[in-house]
């Protein structure tokens, strides 16, 4: 069970059997292809076959009000794709997402205008989120303070580092205080002072019964920020539980992969699958109760 489940409210997002299927080129040919044919095709074209990639793959779970859920996993696991699907930015190949309000996606690649100043982008960003002009004017100073980029707020965004841009996007979305916030990597893009401020924002959103999804390659960020973590591996949910416990399982597996200990890493994956069996069944049952 996820940490603090008893303290959370009713369902805010129901992810029901979400699968995304991509068709991509590969140099790996089917086994039925003869050696001569493989050689001819590779020589002539370089890339000579296609394969299907599923990420995410059959993902089902329910998020509740007051939860902050971290998504961890290696590159290509489907974390950011799942976030875009929840936001409605990208339609899944199959499955559905139901939410109690419109999720707001915050990502490093969120669209702001590079030629305009940070201050001007704050104004446009808040207006785009639906805030009234009179409220926007009052909120600009507090958004700038949360971003913590100093005098750079007066300069065009195309002069910013990627970290500064990410911090500004986070500050804009946080000021809006959406019921469902989706964050892609932004919390890892700042110094200690920004980390402290952003942590307070996340706590405030949780206290107001908001739901937060955070994608981060830094599992320690998930441990510190989130109440629940979901480990995606090759598109599938491998573990789902308290943030500290689940993120540490992922970190231990990733460390063994980095240390070229494939046998240990394989055992850790299998152990995680076995431990998740009951929770997977519970997740599916909960999702079905909302159909």
Protein backbone atom coordinates (compact mmCIF):
# COMPACT_ATOMS: atom_id res chain seq x y z
CA UNK A 1 0.00 0.00 0.00
CA UNK A 2 1.14 3.55 -0.69
CA UNK A 3 2.36 5.61 2.24
CA UNK A 4 -0.23 7.92 3.80
CA UNK A 5 -3.11 6.31 1.89
CA UNK A 6 -5.38 6.70 4.90
CA UNK A 7 -4.70 10.44 4.89
CA UNK A 8 -5.53 10.90 1.22
CA UNK A 9 -8.90 11.61 -0.28
CA UNK A 10 -10.93 10.09 -3.05
CA UNK A 11 -9.62 9.19 -6.48
CA UNK A 12 -8.39 12.10 -8.58
CA UNK A 13 -6.91 10.21 -11.56
CA UNK A 14 -7.76 6.72 -12.79
CA UNK A 15 -5.24 5.20 -15.21
CA UNK A 16 -6.90 2.22 -16.87
CA UNK A 17 -4.84 -0.15 -19.02
CA UNK A 18 -2.71 2.55 -20.67
CA UNK A 19 -0.52 1.30 -23.50
CA UNK A 20 1.49 3.30 -26.01
CA UNK A 21 2.85 1.42 -29.02
CA UNK A 22 5.59 2.89 -31.21
CA UNK A 23 6.83 1.45 -34.48
CA UNK A 24 10.51 2.19 -34.98
CA UNK A 25 13.41 1.19 -37.19
CA UNK A 26 15.94 -1.40 -36.04
CA UNK A 27 19.01 -3.13 -37.45
CA UNK A 28 17.86 -6.40 -35.88
CA UNK A 29 16.18 -8.62 -38.48
CA UNK A 30 13.65 -11.39 -37.77
CA UNK A 31 15.07 -14.87 -37.20
CA UNK A 32 13.37 -16.13 -40.34
CA UNK A 33 15.48 -13.82 -42.51
CA UNK A 34 18.29 -15.67 -44.27
CA UNK A 35 21.89 -14.64 -43.68
CA UNK A 36 22.28 -13.61 -47.32
CA UNK A 37 19.13 -11.48 -47.23
CA UNK A 38 20.24 -9.84 -43.97
CA UNK A 39 23.58 -8.97 -45.50
CA UNK A 40 22.03 -7.49 -48.64
CA UNK A 41 19.51 -5.38 -46.73
CA UNK A 42 22.01 -4.06 -44.23
CA UNK A 43 24.50 -3.24 -46.97
CA UNK A 44 21.91 -1.44 -49.07
CA UNK A 45 19.93 0.43 -46.41
CA UNK A 46 21.70 0.28 -43.05
CA UNK A 47 18.38 0.14 -41.21
CA UNK A 48 16.47 -2.78 -42.56
CA UNK A 49 13.59 -3.75 -40.29
CA UNK A 50 10.96 -2.35 -37.94
CA UNK A 51 9.95 -3.31 -34.44
CA UNK A 52 7.18 -2.36 -32.02
CA UNK A 53 8.02 -0.72 -28.71
CA UNK A 54 5.49 -0.61 -25.88
CA UNK A 55 6.07 2.05 -23.22
CA UNK A 56 3.99 2.30 -21.14
CA UNK A 57 2.44 -1.16 -21.39
CA UNK A 58 -0.88 -2.00 -19.70
CA UNK A 59 -0.41 0.45 -16.83
CA UNK A 60 -3.29 0.61 -14.35
CA UNK A 61 -3.53 2.40 -11.01
CA UNK A 62 -5.55 5.03 -9.14
CA UNK A 63 -4.10 8.28 -7.80
CA UNK A 64 -5.79 9.95 -4.83
CA UNK A 65 -6.17 13.50 -3.64
CA UNK A 66 -3.29 14.46 -1.38
CA UNK A 67 -0.82 12.02 -2.95
CA UNK A 68 2.49 13.01 -4.52
CA UNK A 69 3.54 10.18 -6.83
CA UNK A 70 7.06 9.83 -8.17
CA UNK A 71 7.68 7.89 -11.39
CA UNK A 72 11.12 6.26 -11.54
CA UNK A 73 12.81 4.00 -14.07
CA UNK A 74 15.53 3.91 -16.68
CA UNK A 75 15.42 5.88 -19.92
CA UNK A 76 12.75 4.53 -22.26
CA UNK A 77 10.65 3.03 -19.46
CA UNK A 78 7.66 5.20 -20.42
CA UNK A 79 7.66 7.71 -17.55
CA UNK A 80 7.43 10.94 -19.55
CA UNK A 81 5.09 9.36 -22.09
CA UNK A 82 2.73 8.34 -19.28
CA UNK A 83 2.84 11.90 -17.96
CA UNK A 84 1.91 13.31 -21.40
CA UNK A 85 -0.93 10.82 -21.70
CA UNK A 86 -2.31 11.80 -18.29
CA UNK A 87 -2.12 15.45 -19.37
CA UNK A 88 -4.05 14.67 -22.57
CA UNK A 89 -1.15 15.91 -24.71
CA UNK A 90 -0.62 12.50 -26.33
CA UNK A 91 -3.38 9.91 -26.90
CA UNK A 92 -2.59 6.33 -25.87
CA UNK A 93 -2.77 3.39 -28.26
CA UNK A 94 -5.20 1.78 -25.84
CA UNK A 95 -6.62 2.43 -22.39
CA UNK A 96 -8.21 5.47 -20.77
CA UNK A 97 -7.42 8.21 -18.26
CA UNK A 98 -10.16 9.76 -16.14
CA UNK A 99 -9.47 12.79 -13.95
CA UNK A 100 -11.55 14.98 -11.66
CA UNK A 101 -10.01 18.15 -13.15
CA UNK A 102 -7.67 19.10 -15.98
CA UNK A 103 -4.09 18.02 -15.19
CA UNK A 104 -1.47 20.74 -15.73
CA UNK A 105 1.75 19.45 -17.29
CA UNK A 106 4.95 21.17 -16.28
CA UNK A 107 8.06 20.10 -18.16
CA UNK A 108 11.43 21.43 -19.11
CA UNK A 109 10.14 21.63 -22.68
CA UNK A 110 6.94 23.47 -21.75
CA UNK A 111 6.22 26.14 -24.35
CA UNK A 112 7.20 29.65 -23.36
CA UNK A 113 8.54 32.38 -25.67
CA UNK A 114 12.38 32.49 -25.68
CA UNK A 115 12.63 36.03 -27.05
CA UNK A 116 10.58 37.50 -24.18
CA UNK A 117 11.77 38.19 -20.64
CA UNK A 118 11.09 35.83 -17.78
CA UNK A 119 8.78 38.41 -16.27
CA UNK A 120 6.77 38.70 -19.48
CA UNK A 121 6.60 34.90 -19.75
CA UNK A 122 5.22 34.73 -16.22
CA UNK A 123 2.44 37.09 -17.25
CA UNK A 124 1.63 35.17 -20.43
CA UNK A 125 1.92 31.80 -18.70
CA UNK A 126 -0.52 32.71 -15.94
CA UNK A 127 -2.97 34.21 -18.44
CA UNK A 128 -2.75 31.02 -20.52
CA UNK A 129 -3.62 29.03 -17.40
CA UNK A 130 -6.83 31.04 -17.08
CA UNK A 131 -6.01 33.55 -14.34
CA UNK A 132 -7.61 36.99 -14.48
CA UNK A 133 -5.36 39.91 -15.52
CA UNK A 134 -5.78 41.74 -12.20
CA UNK A 135 -4.67 38.62 -10.30
CA UNK A 136 -1.75 38.03 -12.65
CA UNK A 137 -0.23 41.45 -11.92
CA UNK A 138 -0.27 40.73 -8.20
CA UNK A 139 1.26 37.27 -8.62
CA UNK A 140 4.25 38.16 -10.81
CA UNK A 141 6.57 39.11 -7.87
CA UNK A 142 5.85 35.91 -5.91
CA UNK A 143 6.36 33.73 -9.00
CA UNK A 144 9.66 35.47 -9.69
CA UNK A 145 10.70 34.90 -6.07
CA UNK A 146 9.90 31.19 -6.23
CA UNK A 147 11.89 30.80 -9.46
CA UNK A 148 14.86 32.40 -7.69
CA UNK A 149 16.75 33.52 -10.79
CA UNK A 150 17.39 37.07 -9.60
CA UNK A 151 17.90 39.87 -12.11
CA UNK A 152 17.68 37.35 -14.96
CA UNK A 153 13.91 37.59 -14.64
CA UNK A 154 14.22 40.83 -16.65
CA UNK A 155 16.22 39.19 -19.45
CA UNK A 156 14.99 37.14 -22.44
CA UNK A 157 14.56 33.44 -21.72
CA UNK A 158 16.92 32.53 -24.55
CA UNK A 159 19.73 33.77 -22.28
CA UNK A 160 18.76 31.27 -19.53
CA UNK A 161 20.37 27.96 -18.74
CA UNK A 162 18.09 24.91 -18.98
CA UNK A 163 17.93 24.82 -15.18
CA UNK A 164 16.81 28.44 -14.93
CA UNK A 165 14.10 27.85 -17.53
CA UNK A 166 12.86 24.76 -15.70
CA UNK A 167 12.68 26.65 -12.41
CA UNK A 168 10.66 29.44 -14.02
CA UNK A 169 8.19 26.95 -15.54
CA UNK A 170 7.76 25.24 -12.18
CA UNK A 171 7.13 28.57 -10.47
CA UNK A 172 4.45 29.52 -13.02
CA UNK A 173 2.59 26.21 -12.68
CA UNK A 174 2.91 26.21 -8.88
CA UNK A 175 1.44 29.71 -8.64
CA UNK A 176 -1.62 28.48 -10.50
CA UNK A 177 -2.06 25.75 -7.85
CA UNK A 178 -3.77 23.16 -10.07
CA UNK A 179 -5.60 20.27 -8.46
CA UNK A 180 -3.48 17.85 -10.52
CA UNK A 181 0.10 18.89 -11.30
CA UNK A 182 2.42 16.87 -13.54
CA UNK A 183 6.12 17.69 -13.15
CA UNK A 184 8.80 16.39 -15.51
CA UNK A 185 12.31 16.78 -14.05
CA UNK A 186 11.89 20.41 -12.94
CA UNK A 187 12.59 19.87 -9.24
CA UNK A 188 16.06 18.57 -9.98
CA UNK A 189 17.06 21.74 -11.82
CA UNK A 190 17.88 24.05 -8.93
CA UNK A 191 20.17 24.76 -6.01
CA UNK A 192 19.49 24.00 -2.35
CA UNK A 193 17.47 27.18 -1.84
CA UNK A 194 15.22 26.41 -4.81
CA UNK A 195 14.85 22.81 -3.64
CA UNK A 196 13.67 24.05 -0.25
CA UNK A 197 11.16 26.46 -1.80
CA UNK A 198 9.82 23.87 -4.23
CA UNK A 199 9.47 21.34 -1.42
CA UNK A 200 7.29 23.82 0.47
CA UNK A 201 5.15 24.29 -2.65
CA UNK A 202 4.66 20.53 -3.01
CA UNK A 203 3.71 20.24 0.67
CA UNK A 204 1.22 23.10 0.28
CA UNK A 205 -0.39 21.44 -2.73
CA UNK A 206 -0.67 18.16 -0.85
CA UNK A 207 -2.15 19.94 2.16
CA UNK A 208 -4.78 21.43 -0.15
CA UNK A 209 -5.66 17.89 -1.33
CA UNK A 210 -3.91 18.30 -4.67
CA UNK A 211 -2.37 15.39 -6.58
CA UNK A 212 1.19 15.58 -7.90
CA UNK A 213 3.01 13.35 -10.37
CA UNK A 214 6.79 13.78 -10.56
CA UNK A 215 9.07 12.21 -13.15
CA UNK A 216 12.71 12.33 -12.11
CA UNK A 217 15.89 10.45 -12.93
CA UNK A 218 17.08 11.34 -9.43
CA UNK A 219 15.42 8.74 -7.22
CA UNK A 220 16.58 10.66 -4.14
CA UNK A 221 14.38 13.58 -5.21
CA UNK A 222 11.41 11.21 -5.28
CA UNK A 223 12.30 9.86 -1.84
CA UNK A 224 12.39 13.35 -0.34
CA UNK A 225 9.45 14.87 -2.20
CA UNK A 226 6.86 12.16 -2.75
CA UNK A 227 4.63 9.98 -0.61
CA UNK A 228 4.33 7.19 -3.20
CA UNK A 229 6.55 5.94 -6.01
CA UNK A 230 5.92 3.80 -9.07
CA UNK A 231 8.82 2.00 -10.76
CA UNK A 232 8.35 1.55 -14.51
CA UNK A 233 10.55 -0.98 -16.31
CA UNK A 234 10.29 -1.58 -20.05
CA UNK A 235 6.87 0.04 -19.97
CA UNK A 236 5.43 -2.08 -17.16
CA UNK A 237 4.81 -1.24 -13.51
CA UNK A 238 7.40 -3.21 -11.56
CA UNK A 239 6.74 -1.76 -8.10
CA UNK A 240 4.26 0.62 -6.47
CA UNK A 241 4.46 1.62 -2.85
CA UNK A 242 5.88 4.07 -0.30
CA UNK A 243 8.27 6.49 -1.99
CA UNK A 244 11.35 5.75 0.12
CA UNK A 245 11.00 2.00 -0.14
CA UNK A 246 10.20 1.88 -3.86
CA UNK A 247 12.76 4.48 -4.96
CA UNK A 248 15.49 2.71 -3.01
CA UNK A 249 14.66 -0.58 -4.69
CA UNK A 250 15.09 1.13 -8.04
CA UNK A 251 18.34 2.81 -6.95
CA UNK A 252 19.82 -0.50 -5.76
CA UNK A 253 18.91 -2.17 -9.05
CA UNK A 254 20.32 0.74 -11.08
CA UNK A 255 23.54 0.70 -9.05
CA UNK A 256 24.07 -2.98 -9.82
CA UNK A 257 23.43 -2.35 -13.50
CA UNK A 258 26.01 0.44 -13.45
CA UNK A 259 28.49 -1.85 -11.67
CA UNK A 260 27.97 -4.48 -14.40
CA UNK A 261 26.42 -7.01 -12.05
CA UNK A 262 23.73 -8.44 -14.38
CA UNK A 263 22.94 -11.49 -12.27
CA UNK A 264 22.32 -9.42 -9.15
CA UNK A 265 20.27 -6.90 -11.14
CA UNK A 266 18.16 -9.69 -12.68
CA UNK A 267 17.44 -11.15 -9.24
CA UNK A 268 16.38 -7.73 -7.96
CA UNK A 269 13.97 -7.33 -10.88
CA UNK A 270 12.44 -10.73 -10.27
CA UNK A 271 12.15 -10.04 -6.54
CA UNK A 272 10.39 -6.73 -7.23
CA UNK A 273 7.92 -8.46 -9.59
CA UNK A 274 7.09 -11.12 -7.02
CA UNK A 275 6.62 -8.58 -4.24
CA UNK A 276 4.36 -6.46 -6.47
CA UNK A 277 2.02 -9.34 -7.44
CA UNK A 278 -0.58 -8.68 -4.73
CA UNK A 279 -0.43 -4.91 -5.17
CA UNK A 280 -0.88 -5.28 -8.95
CA UNK A 281 -4.07 -7.25 -8.39
CA UNK A 282 -5.27 -4.64 -5.91
CA UNK A 283 -4.51 -1.82 -8.36
CA UNK A 284 -6.48 -3.51 -11.12
CA UNK A 285 -9.42 -4.20 -8.79
CA UNK A 286 -9.49 -0.56 -7.70
CA UNK A 287 -9.38 0.65 -11.31
CA UNK A 288 -12.23 -1.71 -12.23
CA UNK A 289 -14.35 -0.27 -9.41
CA UNK A 290 -14.35 3.09 -11.26
CA UNK A 291 -15.43 1.73 -14.65
